[in-house]
Amino acid sequence: MGAGASHSWLWFVEILDRMGFDHVHFVDEQDILSNALDRLNVLLMSGGDTFAIAEGLGIEGSDKLRNFIEGGGLYLGTCAGAYLPLRSSMDFLNQFNFINVKIANISRRLSEPERHALQKVACSSYGGDFIFHVVREDVVLEMANGYQANGKKEMIAPLYGGPSMLPSEDIEPVATYQGFTQKTKFLVEEELAQKTLIGNIAVAKKSMGKGHLYIFGPHFEHPHYPTCNLFLAEIIGENQNGRLRPIQKDFYGNPIKGEALRELLKDLKRELSNSRIAASGMNDFTISWLIGNKYYEPEKIQVFLEVLWKRLTYLESGGDMAVDLQDPDGMINRLRGITDILRKMKKGIGRGEATNGLAEDLFPNLKKVTSDFLTIYFRRKRMESIRAEA
């Protein structure tokens, strides 16, 4: 959930929560550089801005990620997280190159008329070429031999910019793009969409040392696709085999509990309520903000805030617990700052002013507050699981 991560990491949170995975921690590039991967069994890399993710990790982060996988770790990358380990000569991305795979949705594979036709669709610069996106929403996938979920060999998953991979001896195909549905939104002529996707690899696996990478073009973690969610959960369960490494302890070292924790939750509820009020009506604005190579829309703000709001009741339900959190007061102050930014944004948009600078402050703070809150939430769930097993 560091530099470049969009809101889609919250989809992972939803399905992990729903399926009973309680040992959940949230790491950014600084945590990875500080050896946080030594404490983890599985790393879930979500969608967002692949270049920002790669730049944030750098060559040192690449080495730590490689050591994590080769030492027995499981890497699940979706969309941007799928592009990250693929072969590339681009700055920052060329520090990874874990998987020798070519992609079909890159402009060098197009004829000149096709390149011209793509000028009005969503594209991302890729050196002298560009990554292009041919559809959004539902695509039909055919699972490879040995792979299924709920006994199904055909699945439907949402696609929001992920790769279409060409066959390679370096990977094991898990699923291929097979077709479209009535919900598919075509961004180009259907003929070009078929040429770019159909028959190519949507999900792939690669073994590295003792560990594995699974890379997903479509978003199997989207919470509205339960069969896809189950498939992800099965991969985590099978490869984790209970636990690859024992969880030693939580990441932070200053537990708060009792009355101090109740006061923290009271302050959190008040400030979160203020932020929700400040964000109300934002979805009515037809606006987006370009941050790095990724566009953010107002509805993404509400996604972050609602993830917190709907879990507050659980934390307020009582029961003694100690929470390790690096900077609880900082979380409250950051939430106050979010409310202030939201109020300024609404006024600025109403006046026709540029608000991209405010958005660049807003979304990193939203990600940090959300990860801090969810650290408390999953700590509480872990403690309850331990008590239930005792």
Protein backbone atom coordinates (compact mmCIF):
# COMPACT_ATOMS: atom_id res chain seq x y z
CA MET A 1 0.00 0.00 0.00
CA GLY A 2 2.97 2.30 -0.61
CA ALA A 3 3.92 4.50 -3.55
CA GLY A 4 1.89 3.72 -6.63
CA ALA A 5 -0.71 1.53 -4.93
CA SER A 6 -4.30 2.39 -5.90
CA HIS A 7 -7.41 1.57 -3.88
CA SER A 8 -7.55 -2.03 -5.15
CA TRP A 9 -5.45 -3.35 -2.24
CA LEU A 10 -8.63 -2.83 -0.22
CA TRP A 11 -10.23 -5.57 -2.33
CA PHE A 12 -7.62 -7.95 -0.97
CA VAL A 13 -8.54 -6.77 2.52
CA GLU A 14 -12.21 -7.55 1.92
CA ILE A 15 -11.68 -11.12 0.78
CA LEU A 16 -8.99 -11.92 3.38
CA ASP A 17 -11.33 -10.64 6.08
CA ARG A 18 -14.29 -12.56 4.69
CA MET A 19 -12.35 -15.82 4.38
CA GLY A 20 -10.83 -15.78 7.84
CA PHE A 21 -7.20 -14.82 7.15
CA ASP A 22 -6.30 -12.94 10.33
CA HIS A 23 -2.50 -12.74 10.10
CA VAL A 24 -2.66 -9.71 7.80
CA HIS A 25 -0.05 -6.96 7.85
CA PHE A 26 0.33 -3.87 5.69
CA VAL A 27 3.70 -2.96 4.22
CA ASP A 28 5.00 -0.20 1.99
CA GLU A 29 8.32 0.09 0.22
CA GLN A 30 10.09 1.36 3.35
CA ASP A 31 8.88 -1.63 5.33
CA ILE A 32 10.15 -3.98 2.61
CA LEU A 33 13.53 -2.23 2.61
CA SER A 34 13.55 -2.67 6.41
CA ASN A 35 13.23 -6.45 6.06
CA ALA A 36 9.47 -6.74 6.71
CA LEU A 37 9.32 -9.61 4.22
CA ASP A 38 11.31 -11.73 6.68
CA ARG A 39 8.13 -11.93 8.81
CA LEU A 40 5.73 -12.75 6.00
CA ASN A 41 4.68 -15.88 4.13
CA VAL A 42 2.67 -14.29 1.33
CA LEU A 43 2.99 -10.91 -0.39
CA LEU A 44 -0.07 -9.56 -2.20
CA MET A 45 0.81 -6.81 -4.68
CA SER A 46 -2.23 -4.88 -5.90
CA GLY A 47 -2.99 -2.64 -8.85
CA GLY A 48 -1.86 0.94 -9.30
CA ASP A 49 1.12 2.67 -10.92
CA THR A 50 3.72 0.01 -11.77
CA PHE A 51 6.50 2.55 -12.39
CA ALA A 52 5.97 4.23 -9.01
CA ILE A 53 5.99 0.85 -7.27
CA ALA A 54 9.22 -0.15 -9.02
CA GLU A 55 10.89 3.20 -8.33
CA GLY A 56 9.88 3.07 -4.66
CA LEU A 57 11.36 -0.39 -4.20
CA GLY A 58 14.48 0.17 -6.29
CA ILE A 59 17.23 -2.36 -6.79
CA GLU A 60 17.45 -3.09 -3.05
CA GLY A 61 13.73 -3.81 -2.89
CA SER A 62 14.05 -6.02 -5.95
CA ASP A 63 16.77 -8.05 -4.23
CA LYS A 64 14.68 -8.43 -1.08
CA LEU A 65 11.66 -9.50 -3.10
CA ARG A 66 13.71 -12.07 -5.00
CA ASN A 67 15.16 -13.44 -1.74
CA PHE A 68 11.66 -13.63 -0.25
CA ILE A 69 10.33 -15.70 -3.15
CA GLU A 70 13.38 -17.94 -3.54
CA GLY A 71 13.32 -18.58 0.21
CA GLY A 72 9.81 -20.04 -0.01
CA GLY A 73 7.55 -16.99 -0.17
CA LEU A 74 4.42 -16.69 -2.29
CA TYR A 75 3.97 -13.59 -4.47
CA LEU A 76 0.49 -12.81 -5.82
CA GLY A 77 0.52 -9.84 -8.19
CA THR A 78 -2.55 -8.44 -9.88
CA CYS A 79 -2.68 -5.76 -12.60
CA ALA A 80 0.25 -3.44 -11.70
CA GLY A 81 1.52 -6.17 -9.39
CA ALA A 82 1.49 -8.50 -12.40
CA TYR A 83 3.43 -6.13 -14.65
CA LEU A 84 6.10 -5.54 -11.97
CA PRO A 85 8.03 -8.85 -12.29
CA LEU A 86 7.67 -9.14 -16.09
CA ARG A 87 10.65 -8.59 -18.37
CA SER A 88 11.20 -4.93 -19.28
CA SER A 89 14.02 -2.65 -20.42
CA MET A 90 12.37 0.44 -18.88
CA ASP A 91 14.07 2.32 -16.06
CA PHE A 92 13.08 0.97 -12.63
CA LEU A 93 11.13 -1.95 -14.10
CA ASN A 94 14.37 -3.40 -15.48
CA GLN A 95 15.51 -3.95 -11.89
CA PHE A 96 13.01 -6.80 -11.55
CA ASN A 97 12.71 -8.96 -14.71
CA PHE A 98 11.84 -12.10 -12.75
CA ILE A 99 9.65 -13.52 -15.53
CA ASN A 100 10.61 -13.78 -19.18
CA VAL A 101 7.22 -13.05 -20.78
CA LYS A 102 6.13 -10.72 -23.57
CA ILE A 103 2.80 -8.93 -23.46
CA ALA A 104 0.28 -8.59 -26.27
CA ASN A 105 -1.15 -5.22 -25.19
CA ILE A 106 1.90 -3.16 -26.17
CA SER A 107 1.84 -0.87 -29.18
CA ARG A 108 4.86 -2.36 -30.99
CA ARG A 109 2.68 -5.36 -31.84
CA LEU A 110 0.15 -3.18 -33.69
CA SER A 111 -0.11 -2.06 -37.29
CA GLU A 112 0.06 1.67 -38.00
CA PRO A 113 -3.75 1.97 -38.46
CA GLU A 114 -4.28 0.15 -35.16
CA ARG A 115 -1.85 2.48 -33.36
CA HIS A 116 -3.70 5.46 -34.76
CA ALA A 117 -7.06 4.03 -33.65
CA LEU A 118 -5.80 3.77 -30.06
CA GLN A 119 -5.09 7.48 -29.62
CA LYS A 120 -8.39 8.02 -27.81
CA VAL A 121 -8.30 5.06 -25.40
CA ALA A 122 -6.59 4.48 -22.09
CA CYS A 123 -2.86 4.04 -22.63
CA SER A 124 0.25 4.28 -20.47
CA SER A 125 3.63 5.38 -21.76
CA TYR A 126 6.14 2.56 -22.04
CA GLY A 127 9.30 4.09 -23.44
CA GLY A 128 8.83 4.61 -27.18
CA ASP A 129 5.75 2.39 -27.01
CA PHE A 130 2.64 2.34 -24.85
CA ILE A 131 0.57 -0.17 -22.94
CA PHE A 132 -3.01 -0.08 -24.19
CA HIS A 133 -6.27 -1.38 -22.74
CA VAL A 134 -8.92 -2.87 -25.00
CA VAL A 135 -11.78 -3.67 -22.60
CA ARG A 136 -12.99 -3.04 -19.08
CA GLU A 137 -15.20 -5.06 -16.75
CA ASP A 138 -16.02 -8.73 -17.35
CA VAL A 139 -13.97 -11.14 -19.42
CA VAL A 140 -14.40 -14.92 -19.73
CA LEU A 141 -11.44 -17.08 -18.73
CA GLU A 142 -10.68 -20.73 -19.38
CA MET A 143 -8.71 -22.43 -16.61
CA ALA A 144 -5.76 -24.62 -17.59
CA ASN A 145 -5.60 -28.31 -16.75
CA GLY A 146 -5.26 -28.84 -13.03
CA TYR A 147 -6.81 -25.50 -12.07
CA GLN A 148 -10.38 -24.78 -11.08
CA ALA A 149 -12.47 -23.17 -8.34
CA ASN A 150 -15.73 -24.62 -7.10
CA GLY A 151 -15.30 -27.28 -9.78
CA LYS A 152 -15.48 -24.68 -12.55
CA LYS A 153 -13.15 -24.64 -15.54
CA GLU A 154 -14.62 -21.40 -16.90
CA MET A 155 -14.62 -18.22 -14.85
CA ILE A 156 -15.61 -14.58 -15.24
CA ALA A 157 -13.31 -11.90 -13.83
CA PRO A 158 -13.05 -8.09 -14.16
CA LEU A 159 -10.21 -6.58 -16.22
CA TYR A 160 -9.01 -3.03 -15.49
CA GLY A 161 -5.74 -2.65 -17.35
CA GLY A 162 -3.93 -5.87 -16.53
CA PRO A 163 -1.60 -7.64 -18.99
CA SER A 164 -2.37 -10.08 -21.77
CA MET A 165 0.63 -12.40 -21.84
CA LEU A 166 2.00 -14.36 -24.76
CA PRO A 167 2.93 -18.04 -24.25
CA SER A 168 6.41 -18.55 -22.82
CA GLU A 169 8.49 -21.47 -21.65
CA ASP A 170 9.24 -19.46 -18.51
CA ILE A 171 5.70 -19.69 -17.10
CA GLU A 172 2.95 -22.20 -16.48
CA PRO A 173 -0.41 -20.99 -17.85
CA VAL A 174 -3.14 -20.95 -15.21
CA ALA A 175 -5.93 -19.29 -17.22
CA THR A 176 -6.37 -17.86 -20.71
CA TYR A 177 -8.68 -15.18 -22.06
CA GLN A 178 -11.55 -16.97 -23.76
CA GLY A 179 -14.27 -14.40 -24.51
CA PHE A 180 -16.48 -11.51 -23.48
CA THR A 181 -19.87 -11.03 -21.83
CA GLN A 182 -22.73 -8.55 -22.09
CA LYS A 183 -21.04 -6.58 -19.30
CA THR A 184 -17.77 -6.18 -21.21
CA LYS A 185 -17.06 -2.54 -22.07
CA PHE A 186 -15.08 -2.30 -25.28
CA LEU A 187 -12.54 0.53 -25.47
CA VAL A 188 -11.57 -0.37 -29.05
CA GLU A 189 -13.14 -2.22 -31.96
CA GLU A 190 -14.09 -5.75 -30.91
CA GLU A 191 -11.79 -7.24 -33.57
CA LEU A 192 -8.73 -5.60 -32.00
CA ALA A 193 -9.89 -6.64 -28.52
CA GLN A 194 -10.13 -10.26 -29.66
CA LYS A 195 -6.69 -10.09 -31.30
CA THR A 196 -5.16 -8.67 -28.12
CA LEU A 197 -6.79 -10.98 -25.57
CA ILE A 198 -8.39 -14.16 -26.86
CA GLY A 199 -6.14 -17.20 -26.49
CA ASN A 200 -3.47 -15.29 -24.60
CA ILE A 201 -2.55 -15.91 -20.97
CA ALA A 202 -4.52 -14.09 -18.27
CA VAL A 203 -3.04 -15.81 -15.20
CA ALA A 204 0.38 -17.43 -14.95
CA LYS A 205 2.60 -19.17 -12.42
CA LYS A 206 6.36 -19.26 -12.10
CA SER A 207 8.51 -21.13 -9.60
CA MET A 208 11.62 -19.41 -8.21
CA GLY A 209 13.78 -21.33 -5.78
CA LYS A 210 11.47 -22.66 -3.05
CA GLY A 211 8.71 -20.15 -3.77
CA HIS A 212 6.23 -19.17 -6.45
CA LEU A 213 4.82 -16.15 -8.26
CA TYR A 214 1.24 -16.01 -9.50
CA ILE A 215 0.49 -13.06 -11.76
CA PHE A 216 -3.06 -12.02 -12.63
CA GLY A 217 -4.17 -9.76 -15.49
CA PRO A 218 -7.80 -9.65 -14.26
CA HIS A 219 -8.66 -8.70 -10.68
CA PHE A 220 -9.42 -12.02 -9.00
CA GLU A 221 -9.47 -10.14 -5.68
CA HIS A 222 -12.50 -8.02 -6.60
CA PRO A 223 -15.01 -8.83 -3.83
CA HIS A 224 -17.97 -9.08 -6.24
CA TYR A 225 -16.49 -12.22 -7.84
CA PRO A 226 -16.66 -14.95 -5.17
CA THR A 227 -15.45 -17.79 -7.39
CA CYS A 228 -12.30 -15.80 -8.21
CA ASN A 229 -11.90 -14.96 -4.52
CA LEU A 230 -12.12 -18.64 -3.62
CA PHE A 231 -9.46 -19.47 -6.20
CA LEU A 232 -7.10 -16.92 -4.61
CA ALA A 233 -7.82 -18.26 -1.13
CA GLU A 234 -7.06 -21.81 -2.27
CA ILE A 235 -3.72 -20.72 -3.75
CA ILE A 236 -2.78 -19.01 -0.50
CA GLY A 237 -3.85 -22.01 1.56
CA GLU A 238 -2.16 -24.63 -0.62
CA ASN A 239 1.15 -22.80 -1.02
CA GLN A 240 1.27 -21.55 2.53
CA ASN A 241 0.61 -25.07 3.85
CA GLY A 242 -0.38 -23.69 7.22
CA ARG A 243 2.59 -21.34 7.43
CA LEU A 244 5.86 -21.32 5.56
CA ARG A 245 7.49 -19.40 8.37
CA PRO A 246 6.08 -18.90 11.87
CA ILE A 247 4.74 -15.41 12.53
CA GLN A 248 7.13 -14.15 15.18
CA LYS A 249 5.32 -11.04 16.42
CA ASP A 250 3.44 -8.00 15.27
CA PHE A 251 5.32 -5.23 13.53
CA TYR A 252 5.07 -2.49 16.15
CA GLY A 253 6.25 -2.45 19.73
CA ASN A 254 4.17 -0.06 21.87
CA PRO A 255 0.87 -1.76 22.75
CA ILE A 256 -2.08 0.32 23.86
CA LYS A 257 -5.08 -1.18 25.65
CA GLY A 258 -7.87 -0.55 28.14
CA GLU A 259 -9.02 3.01 28.58
CA ALA A 260 -6.33 4.41 26.27
CA LEU A 261 -7.60 2.19 23.46
CA ARG A 262 -11.23 3.18 24.10
CA GLU A 263 -10.27 6.85 23.90
CA LEU A 264 -8.39 6.21 20.67
CA LEU A 265 -11.46 4.57 19.11
CA LYS A 266 -13.69 7.42 20.30
CA ASP A 267 -11.39 10.00 18.70
CA LEU A 268 -11.15 7.89 15.59
CA LYS A 269 -14.92 7.65 15.22
CA ARG A 270 -15.37 11.40 15.62
CA GLU A 271 -12.71 12.30 13.07
CA LEU A 272 -13.79 9.61 10.63
CA SER A 273 -17.35 10.92 10.83
CA ASN A 274 -16.04 14.41 10.01
CA SER A 275 -14.15 13.06 7.01
CA ARG A 276 -17.22 11.22 5.71
CA ILE A 277 -19.27 14.40 5.98
CA ALA A 278 -16.55 16.39 4.19
CA ALA A 279 -16.42 13.76 1.42
CA SER A 280 -20.19 13.63 0.94
CA GLY A 281 -21.24 14.78 -2.52
CA MET A 282 -17.74 14.36 -3.98
CA ASN A 283 -18.97 11.57 -6.25
CA ASP A 284 -21.17 14.10 -8.04
CA PHE A 285 -18.12 15.88 -9.44
CA THR A 286 -16.99 14.88 -12.94
CA ILE A 287 -13.30 15.12 -12.25
CA SER A 288 -10.19 12.96 -11.94
CA TRP A 289 -6.66 13.59 -10.76
CA LEU A 290 -3.54 12.26 -12.49
CA ILE A 291 -1.00 11.18 -9.86
CA GLY A 292 2.05 9.63 -11.47
CA ASN A 293 0.69 7.39 -14.22
CA LYS A 294 -2.61 6.66 -12.46
CA TYR A 295 -5.94 8.49 -12.51
CA TYR A 296 -7.92 8.80 -9.28
CA GLU A 297 -11.64 9.64 -9.19
CA PRO A 298 -13.70 11.03 -6.27
CA GLU A 299 -15.47 7.71 -5.65
CA LYS A 300 -12.16 6.18 -4.57
CA ILE A 301 -12.13 8.54 -1.57
CA GLN A 302 -15.39 7.05 -0.33
CA VAL A 303 -14.01 3.53 -0.78
CA PHE A 304 -11.25 4.18 1.77
CA LEU A 305 -13.53 5.86 4.30
CA GLU A 306 -16.24 3.19 4.11
CA VAL A 307 -13.74 0.38 4.65
CA LEU A 308 -13.00 1.97 8.03
CA TRP A 309 -16.52 3.01 8.97
CA LYS A 310 -18.08 -0.41 8.51
CA ARG A 311 -15.44 -2.01 10.79
CA LEU A 312 -15.68 0.50 13.64
CA THR A 313 -18.62 -1.27 15.27
CA TYR A 314 -16.59 -4.44 15.60
CA LEU A 315 -13.76 -2.60 17.35
CA GLU A 316 -16.21 -0.80 19.64
CA SER A 317 -17.95 -4.02 20.65
CA GLY A 318 -15.81 -4.38 23.75
CA GLY A 319 -13.37 -6.95 24.97
CA ASP A 320 -9.86 -6.37 26.22
CA MET A 321 -7.08 -6.27 23.70
CA ALA A 322 -3.66 -4.73 23.27
CA VAL A 323 -2.88 -3.08 19.97
CA ASP A 324 0.62 -2.54 18.63
CA LEU A 325 0.61 0.64 16.58
CA GLN A 326 3.56 2.79 15.66
CA ASP A 327 1.92 6.20 16.07
CA PRO A 328 -1.75 6.17 17.23
CA ASP A 329 -1.86 9.95 17.77
CA GLY A 330 -0.43 10.44 14.30
CA MET A 331 -3.31 8.41 12.86
CA ILE A 332 -5.88 10.77 14.44
CA ASN A 333 -3.98 13.88 13.35
CA ARG A 334 -3.65 12.53 9.83
CA LEU A 335 -7.40 11.93 9.71
CA ARG A 336 -8.01 15.54 10.79
CA GLY A 337 -5.75 16.61 7.94
CA ILE A 338 -7.77 14.48 5.50
CA THR A 339 -10.95 16.25 6.57
CA ASP A 340 -9.28 19.62 6.00
CA ILE A 341 -8.02 18.61 2.56
CA LEU A 342 -11.47 17.34 1.54
CA ARG A 343 -13.10 20.63 2.53
CA LYS A 344 -10.52 22.58 0.52
CA MET A 345 -10.98 20.28 -2.46
CA LYS A 346 -14.76 20.75 -2.53
CA LYS A 347 -14.39 24.53 -2.38
CA GLY A 348 -11.68 24.50 -5.04
CA ILE A 349 -13.67 22.32 -7.42
CA GLY A 350 -16.72 24.53 -6.92
CA ARG A 351 -14.64 27.56 -7.91
CA GLY A 352 -13.13 25.83 -10.92
CA GLU A 353 -9.66 25.77 -9.37
CA ALA A 354 -7.01 23.11 -9.95
CA THR A 355 -7.01 20.56 -7.10
CA ASN A 356 -4.38 18.06 -8.25
CA GLY A 357 -1.93 19.23 -5.58
CA LEU A 358 -4.52 18.58 -2.88
CA ALA A 359 -5.21 15.12 -4.32
CA GLU A 360 -1.47 14.33 -4.20
CA ASP A 361 -1.60 15.04 -0.45
CA LEU A 362 -4.92 13.30 0.12
CA PHE A 363 -4.44 9.79 -1.24
CA PRO A 364 -1.14 8.91 0.52
CA ASN A 365 -2.72 10.03 3.80
CA LEU A 366 -5.85 7.98 3.11
CA LYS A 367 -3.69 4.91 2.48
CA LYS A 368 -1.70 5.43 5.69
CA VAL A 369 -4.75 6.02 7.91
CA THR A 370 -6.49 3.00 6.43
CA SER A 371 -3.51 0.69 6.94
CA ASP A 372 -3.07 1.88 10.55
CA PHE A 373 -6.75 1.30 11.29
CA LEU A 374 -6.72 -2.14 9.69
CA THR A 375 -3.63 -3.01 11.73
CA ILE A 376 -5.79 -2.54 14.84
CA TYR A 377 -8.68 -4.43 13.28
CA PHE A 378 -6.74 -7.54 12.28
CA ARG A 379 -4.85 -7.57 15.58
CA ARG A 380 -8.21 -7.79 17.35
CA LYS A 381 -9.31 -10.64 15.07
CA ARG A 382 -6.07 -12.55 15.69
CA MET A 383 -6.48 -12.25 19.44
CA GLU A 384 -10.05 -13.53 19.26
CA SER A 385 -8.92 -16.49 17.13
CA ILE A 386 -6.20 -17.36 19.66
CA ARG A 387 -8.70 -17.21 22.53
CA ALA A 388 -11.14 -19.41 20.62
CA GLU A 389 -8.46 -22.04 20.04
CA ALA A 390 -7.29 -22.01 23.68
